[in-house]
Structure formats: structure tokens, C-alpha cells
Amino acid sequence: MSLDGNFTLSIFVQNVADGGITLKISYLKLWKLLLDKKLKKTDLLKLAEISTTTLAKLSKDQSVGMDVLARICTALSCDIADIVEMIPDEDIEIADDENEG
């Protein structure tokens, strides 16, 4: 896999019972937190000192560095679990199952 920044982070979690699941990153919690704090994405740019490119990656649920997530958490006075979560990627799981059969 190329790490050129144009990918969605997916993690394969091995589970003996079902053969494993694939997880993908989601920043939906971040957007909800911004709404709760009555902030806009442009406010986040300034508060966390992130670039428009990084904001675009976040908007597309793409991977960003831990330093970026730490700056966002500091700016919003929150924990990383308040802005990001790993969710099952059922599309990938189905595709993997189809390739096995």
C-alpha cells in the first residue's frame, strides 16, 4: 500500500471466531463536537493550526498524523476518543468474503 496520503486507513483485526474484521477510521464524532461547541470547520483550522489539506483529509475520513489529532484535542479540550472512532467496514469485509469463495 502506498502511503502518499490518498487512502482511507483500514485496520484488519484478527478474531478467531469469525476470521477477522476490517475497521475504518471515522471523524463523525469530531463534526458532532464542533456542532455542539457551535464551531465551524474554518474555526477548527485556526484553533488547531491545521492546513486546509488536513481538513480535507479529515472530511474524507482519511488518515492524519497523531500530532494533528493531538492539536485538535488540545484546541477543543477533549480526548482522542471524542473525535475519532474505528468502525467496521462491512464493504471491505464482504469484498474479502467474495474473494475467498
N, C-alpha and C. Protein backbone atom coordinates (compact mmCIF):
# COMPACT_ATOMS: atom_id res chain seq x y z
N MET A 1 0.84 -1.18 0.00
CA MET A 1 0.00 0.00 0.00
C MET A 1 0.88 1.24 0.00
N SER A 2 0.60 2.17 -0.85
CA SER A 2 1.33 3.43 -0.91
C SER A 2 0.85 4.35 0.21
N LEU A 3 1.77 5.03 0.85
CA LEU A 3 1.42 5.94 1.92
C LEU A 3 1.54 7.38 1.46
N ASP A 4 0.94 7.68 0.33
CA ASP A 4 1.02 9.02 -0.23
C ASP A 4 -0.06 9.96 0.31
N GLY A 5 -0.85 9.49 1.26
CA GLY A 5 -1.89 10.33 1.85
C GLY A 5 -3.22 10.21 1.15
N ASN A 6 -3.31 9.48 0.06
CA ASN A 6 -4.55 9.35 -0.68
C ASN A 6 -5.19 7.98 -0.44
N PHE A 7 -5.43 7.69 0.82
CA PHE A 7 -6.03 6.42 1.17
C PHE A 7 -6.86 6.58 2.43
N THR A 8 -7.74 5.66 2.64
CA THR A 8 -8.51 5.61 3.87
C THR A 8 -7.87 4.55 4.75
N LEU A 9 -7.61 4.89 5.98
CA LEU A 9 -6.98 3.96 6.89
C LEU A 9 -7.93 2.82 7.20
N SER A 10 -7.51 1.61 6.95
CA SER A 10 -8.27 0.43 7.30
C SER A 10 -7.37 -0.47 8.11
N ILE A 11 -7.93 -1.05 9.14
CA ILE A 11 -7.17 -1.93 10.00
C ILE A 11 -7.88 -3.27 10.04
N PHE A 12 -7.10 -4.33 9.86
CA PHE A 12 -7.66 -5.67 9.92
C PHE A 12 -7.43 -6.19 11.33
N VAL A 13 -8.51 -6.57 12.00
CA VAL A 13 -8.43 -7.08 13.35
C VAL A 13 -8.74 -8.57 13.30
N GLN A 14 -7.77 -9.37 13.71
CA GLN A 14 -7.95 -10.81 13.68
C GLN A 14 -8.84 -11.25 14.84
N ASN A 15 -9.85 -12.01 14.52
CA ASN A 15 -10.76 -12.55 15.51
C ASN A 15 -10.92 -14.02 15.18
N VAL A 16 -10.55 -14.88 16.11
CA VAL A 16 -10.57 -16.31 15.87
C VAL A 16 -11.98 -16.80 15.52
N ALA A 17 -12.99 -16.24 16.15
CA ALA A 17 -14.36 -16.72 15.96
C ALA A 17 -14.88 -16.51 14.54
N ASP A 18 -14.61 -15.32 13.96
CA ASP A 18 -15.20 -15.03 12.65
C ASP A 18 -14.17 -14.83 11.54
N GLY A 19 -12.92 -15.08 11.82
CA GLY A 19 -11.90 -14.95 10.79
C GLY A 19 -11.35 -13.55 10.64
N GLY A 20 -11.86 -12.58 11.37
CA GLY A 20 -11.34 -11.22 11.33
C GLY A 20 -12.35 -10.22 10.81
N ILE A 21 -12.16 -8.97 11.18
CA ILE A 21 -13.00 -7.88 10.71
C ILE A 21 -12.09 -6.75 10.26
N THR A 22 -12.59 -5.91 9.39
CA THR A 22 -11.84 -4.75 8.93
C THR A 22 -12.50 -3.50 9.52
N LEU A 23 -11.68 -2.61 10.03
CA LEU A 23 -12.17 -1.37 10.62
C LEU A 23 -11.68 -0.19 9.80
N LYS A 24 -12.48 0.86 9.77
CA LYS A 24 -12.05 2.09 9.10
C LYS A 24 -12.21 3.25 10.07
N ILE A 25 -11.48 4.30 9.80
CA ILE A 25 -11.49 5.47 10.67
C ILE A 25 -12.67 6.37 10.32
N SER A 26 -13.25 6.98 11.35
CA SER A 26 -14.35 7.91 11.15
C SER A 26 -14.15 9.12 12.07
N TYR A 27 -14.34 10.30 11.51
CA TYR A 27 -14.25 11.54 12.28
C TYR A 27 -15.63 12.15 12.53
N LEU A 28 -16.67 11.34 12.42
CA LEU A 28 -18.03 11.85 12.64
C LEU A 28 -18.17 12.48 14.02
N LYS A 29 -17.52 11.89 15.01
CA LYS A 29 -17.56 12.47 16.37
C LYS A 29 -16.97 13.88 16.40
N LEU A 30 -15.94 14.11 15.60
CA LEU A 30 -15.34 15.44 15.54
C LEU A 30 -16.34 16.46 15.03
N TRP A 31 -17.04 16.13 13.96
CA TRP A 31 -18.01 17.06 13.38
C TRP A 31 -19.16 17.32 14.34
N LYS A 32 -19.59 16.30 15.06
CA LYS A 32 -20.65 16.47 16.06
C LYS A 32 -20.17 17.37 17.20
N LEU A 33 -18.91 17.18 17.62
CA LEU A 33 -18.35 18.00 18.68
C LEU A 33 -18.27 19.47 18.25
N LEU A 34 -17.87 19.70 17.01
CA LEU A 34 -17.84 21.08 16.50
C LEU A 34 -19.22 21.71 16.55
N LEU A 35 -20.24 20.95 16.14
CA LEU A 35 -21.61 21.47 16.20
C LEU A 35 -22.02 21.80 17.64
N ASP A 36 -21.70 20.89 18.56
CA ASP A 36 -22.04 21.11 19.97
C ASP A 36 -21.38 22.37 20.52
N LYS A 37 -20.17 22.65 20.05
CA LYS A 37 -19.43 23.82 20.51
C LYS A 37 -19.73 25.06 19.66
N LYS A 38 -20.65 24.90 18.70
CA LYS A 38 -21.03 25.98 17.80
C LYS A 38 -19.83 26.55 17.04
N LEU A 39 -19.00 25.62 16.57
CA LEU A 39 -17.82 26.00 15.79
C LEU A 39 -17.97 25.50 14.37
N LYS A 40 -17.28 26.16 13.47
CA LYS A 40 -17.25 25.75 12.06
C LYS A 40 -15.91 25.12 11.75
N LYS A 41 -15.83 24.46 10.61
CA LYS A 41 -14.56 23.85 10.20
C LYS A 41 -13.47 24.90 10.06
N THR A 42 -13.84 26.09 9.62
CA THR A 42 -12.84 27.16 9.49
C THR A 42 -12.32 27.58 10.86
N ASP A 43 -13.16 27.49 11.89
CA ASP A 43 -12.71 27.77 13.25
C ASP A 43 -11.68 26.73 13.68
N LEU A 44 -11.93 25.48 13.32
CA LEU A 44 -11.01 24.40 13.66
C LEU A 44 -9.64 24.62 13.01
N LEU A 45 -9.64 25.11 11.77
CA LEU A 45 -8.38 25.42 11.09
C LEU A 45 -7.51 26.34 11.93
N LYS A 46 -8.12 27.39 12.45
CA LYS A 46 -7.37 28.39 13.22
C LYS A 46 -7.01 27.89 14.61
N LEU A 47 -7.99 27.29 15.30
CA LEU A 47 -7.76 26.85 16.68
C LEU A 47 -6.69 25.77 16.78
N ALA A 48 -6.73 24.80 15.87
CA ALA A 48 -5.79 23.68 15.92
C ALA A 48 -4.57 23.89 15.04
N GLU A 49 -4.55 25.00 14.32
CA GLU A 49 -3.45 25.31 13.41
C GLU A 49 -3.18 24.17 12.44
N ILE A 50 -4.25 23.76 11.74
CA ILE A 50 -4.13 22.72 10.72
C ILE A 50 -4.33 23.33 9.35
N SER A 51 -3.84 22.66 8.34
CA SER A 51 -3.95 23.17 6.97
C SER A 51 -5.29 22.79 6.34
N THR A 52 -5.60 23.45 5.25
CA THR A 52 -6.82 23.10 4.51
C THR A 52 -6.71 21.69 3.94
N THR A 53 -5.50 21.26 3.60
CA THR A 53 -5.30 19.90 3.11
C THR A 53 -5.65 18.88 4.19
N THR A 54 -5.20 19.15 5.41
CA THR A 54 -5.50 18.26 6.53
C THR A 54 -6.99 18.24 6.80
N LEU A 55 -7.63 19.39 6.74
CA LEU A 55 -9.07 19.45 6.94
C LEU A 55 -9.80 18.64 5.87
N ALA A 56 -9.32 18.70 4.65
CA ALA A 56 -9.93 17.91 3.57
C ALA A 56 -9.79 16.41 3.86
N LYS A 57 -8.63 15.99 4.36
CA LYS A 57 -8.43 14.59 4.70
C LYS A 57 -9.39 14.16 5.80
N LEU A 58 -9.55 15.00 6.81
CA LEU A 58 -10.49 14.70 7.89
C LEU A 58 -11.91 14.57 7.34
N SER A 59 -12.27 15.47 6.43
CA SER A 59 -13.61 15.46 5.85
C SER A 59 -13.88 14.19 5.05
N LYS A 60 -12.81 13.58 4.52
CA LYS A 60 -12.95 12.36 3.72
C LYS A 60 -12.64 11.09 4.54
N ASP A 61 -12.54 11.25 5.85
CA ASP A 61 -12.21 10.13 6.75
C ASP A 61 -10.90 9.45 6.35
N GLN A 62 -9.93 10.27 5.98
CA GLN A 62 -8.61 9.75 5.64
C GLN A 62 -7.68 9.90 6.84
N SER A 63 -6.60 9.16 6.81
CA SER A 63 -5.65 9.16 7.91
C SER A 63 -4.92 10.50 8.02
N VAL A 64 -4.74 10.95 9.26
CA VAL A 64 -3.91 12.11 9.56
C VAL A 64 -2.98 11.71 10.70
N GLY A 65 -1.93 12.47 10.91
CA GLY A 65 -0.95 12.14 11.93
C GLY A 65 -1.48 12.33 13.34
N MET A 66 -0.84 11.62 14.27
CA MET A 66 -1.21 11.75 15.68
C MET A 66 -0.98 13.16 16.19
N ASP A 67 0.03 13.85 15.63
CA ASP A 67 0.28 15.23 16.05
C ASP A 67 -0.91 16.13 15.71
N VAL A 68 -1.54 15.88 14.57
CA VAL A 68 -2.72 16.64 14.17
C VAL A 68 -3.87 16.36 15.14
N LEU A 69 -4.10 15.08 15.43
CA LEU A 69 -5.17 14.72 16.35
C LEU A 69 -4.92 15.31 17.74
N ALA A 70 -3.66 15.33 18.16
CA ALA A 70 -3.31 15.91 19.46
C ALA A 70 -3.59 17.42 19.48
N ARG A 71 -3.27 18.12 18.39
CA ARG A 71 -3.55 19.56 18.32
C ARG A 71 -5.05 19.83 18.35
N ILE A 72 -5.82 19.00 17.66
CA ILE A 72 -7.27 19.15 17.66
C ILE A 72 -7.82 18.93 19.07
N CYS A 73 -7.35 17.88 19.73
CA CYS A 73 -7.80 17.59 21.10
C CYS A 73 -7.45 18.73 22.05
N THR A 74 -6.25 19.28 21.90
CA THR A 74 -5.84 20.40 22.75
C THR A 74 -6.73 21.62 22.48
N ALA A 75 -6.97 21.91 21.23
CA ALA A 75 -7.77 23.08 20.85
C ALA A 75 -9.22 22.96 21.34
N LEU A 76 -9.76 21.74 21.32
CA LEU A 76 -11.15 21.53 21.69
C LEU A 76 -11.31 21.04 23.12
N SER A 77 -10.20 20.91 23.84
CA SER A 77 -10.22 20.41 25.22
C SER A 77 -10.97 19.08 25.34
N CYS A 78 -10.52 18.11 24.55
CA CYS A 78 -11.19 16.83 24.54
C CYS A 78 -10.17 15.70 24.44
N ASP A 79 -10.64 14.48 24.49
CA ASP A 79 -9.82 13.29 24.37
C ASP A 79 -9.92 12.77 22.93
N ILE A 80 -8.95 12.00 22.51
CA ILE A 80 -8.97 11.48 21.13
C ILE A 80 -10.23 10.65 20.85
N ALA A 81 -10.73 9.95 21.86
CA ALA A 81 -11.95 9.14 21.67
C ALA A 81 -13.18 10.02 21.42
N ASP A 82 -13.06 11.32 21.71
CA ASP A 82 -14.17 12.25 21.46
C ASP A 82 -14.22 12.71 20.01
N ILE A 83 -13.16 12.45 19.24
CA ILE A 83 -13.12 12.96 17.87
C ILE A 83 -12.94 11.90 16.79
N VAL A 84 -12.52 10.71 17.18
CA VAL A 84 -12.25 9.68 16.19
C VAL A 84 -12.73 8.33 16.71
N GLU A 85 -13.18 7.49 15.80
CA GLU A 85 -13.54 6.13 16.18
C GLU A 85 -13.25 5.19 15.02
N MET A 86 -13.06 3.95 15.37
CA MET A 86 -12.84 2.90 14.37
C MET A 86 -14.15 2.13 14.25
N ILE A 87 -14.67 2.04 13.03
CA ILE A 87 -15.94 1.36 12.82
C ILE A 87 -15.76 0.23 11.81
N PRO A 88 -16.58 -0.82 11.94
CA PRO A 88 -16.48 -1.93 10.98
C PRO A 88 -16.73 -1.45 9.56
N ASP A 89 -15.89 -1.88 8.66
CA ASP A 89 -16.05 -1.56 7.24
C ASP A 89 -16.63 -2.79 6.56
N GLU A 90 -17.95 -2.87 6.55
CA GLU A 90 -18.62 -4.06 6.04
C GLU A 90 -18.43 -4.24 4.54
N ASP A 91 -18.21 -3.15 3.81
CA ASP A 91 -17.97 -3.26 2.36
C ASP A 91 -16.70 -4.05 2.10
N ILE A 92 -15.66 -3.74 2.86
CA ILE A 92 -14.39 -4.45 2.68
C ILE A 92 -14.53 -5.89 3.12
N GLU A 93 -15.24 -6.12 4.24
CA GLU A 93 -15.42 -7.47 4.75
C GLU A 93 -16.16 -8.33 3.74
N ILE A 94 -17.20 -7.78 3.11
CA ILE A 94 -17.97 -8.52 2.09
C ILE A 94 -17.09 -8.79 0.89
N ALA A 95 -16.32 -7.78 0.47
CA ALA A 95 -15.43 -7.97 -0.70
C ALA A 95 -14.42 -9.07 -0.41
N ASP A 96 -13.87 -9.10 0.81
CA ASP A 96 -12.91 -10.13 1.17
C ASP A 96 -13.56 -11.51 1.17
N ASP A 97 -14.79 -11.59 1.67
CA ASP A 97 -15.51 -12.86 1.69
C ASP A 97 -15.77 -13.37 0.27
N GLU A 98 -16.11 -12.46 -0.64
CA GLU A 98 -16.39 -12.84 -2.03
C GLU A 98 -15.13 -13.35 -2.71
N ASN A 99 -13.98 -12.76 -2.38
CA ASN A 99 -12.72 -13.19 -2.99
C ASN A 99 -12.27 -14.55 -2.51
N GLU A 100 -12.72 -14.95 -1.31
CA GLU A 100 -12.34 -16.23 -0.76
C GLU A 100 -13.11 -17.38 -1.41
N GLY A 101 -14.32 -17.13 -1.86
CA GLY A 101 -15.21 -18.18 -2.37
C GLY A 101 -15.05 -18.41 -3.79
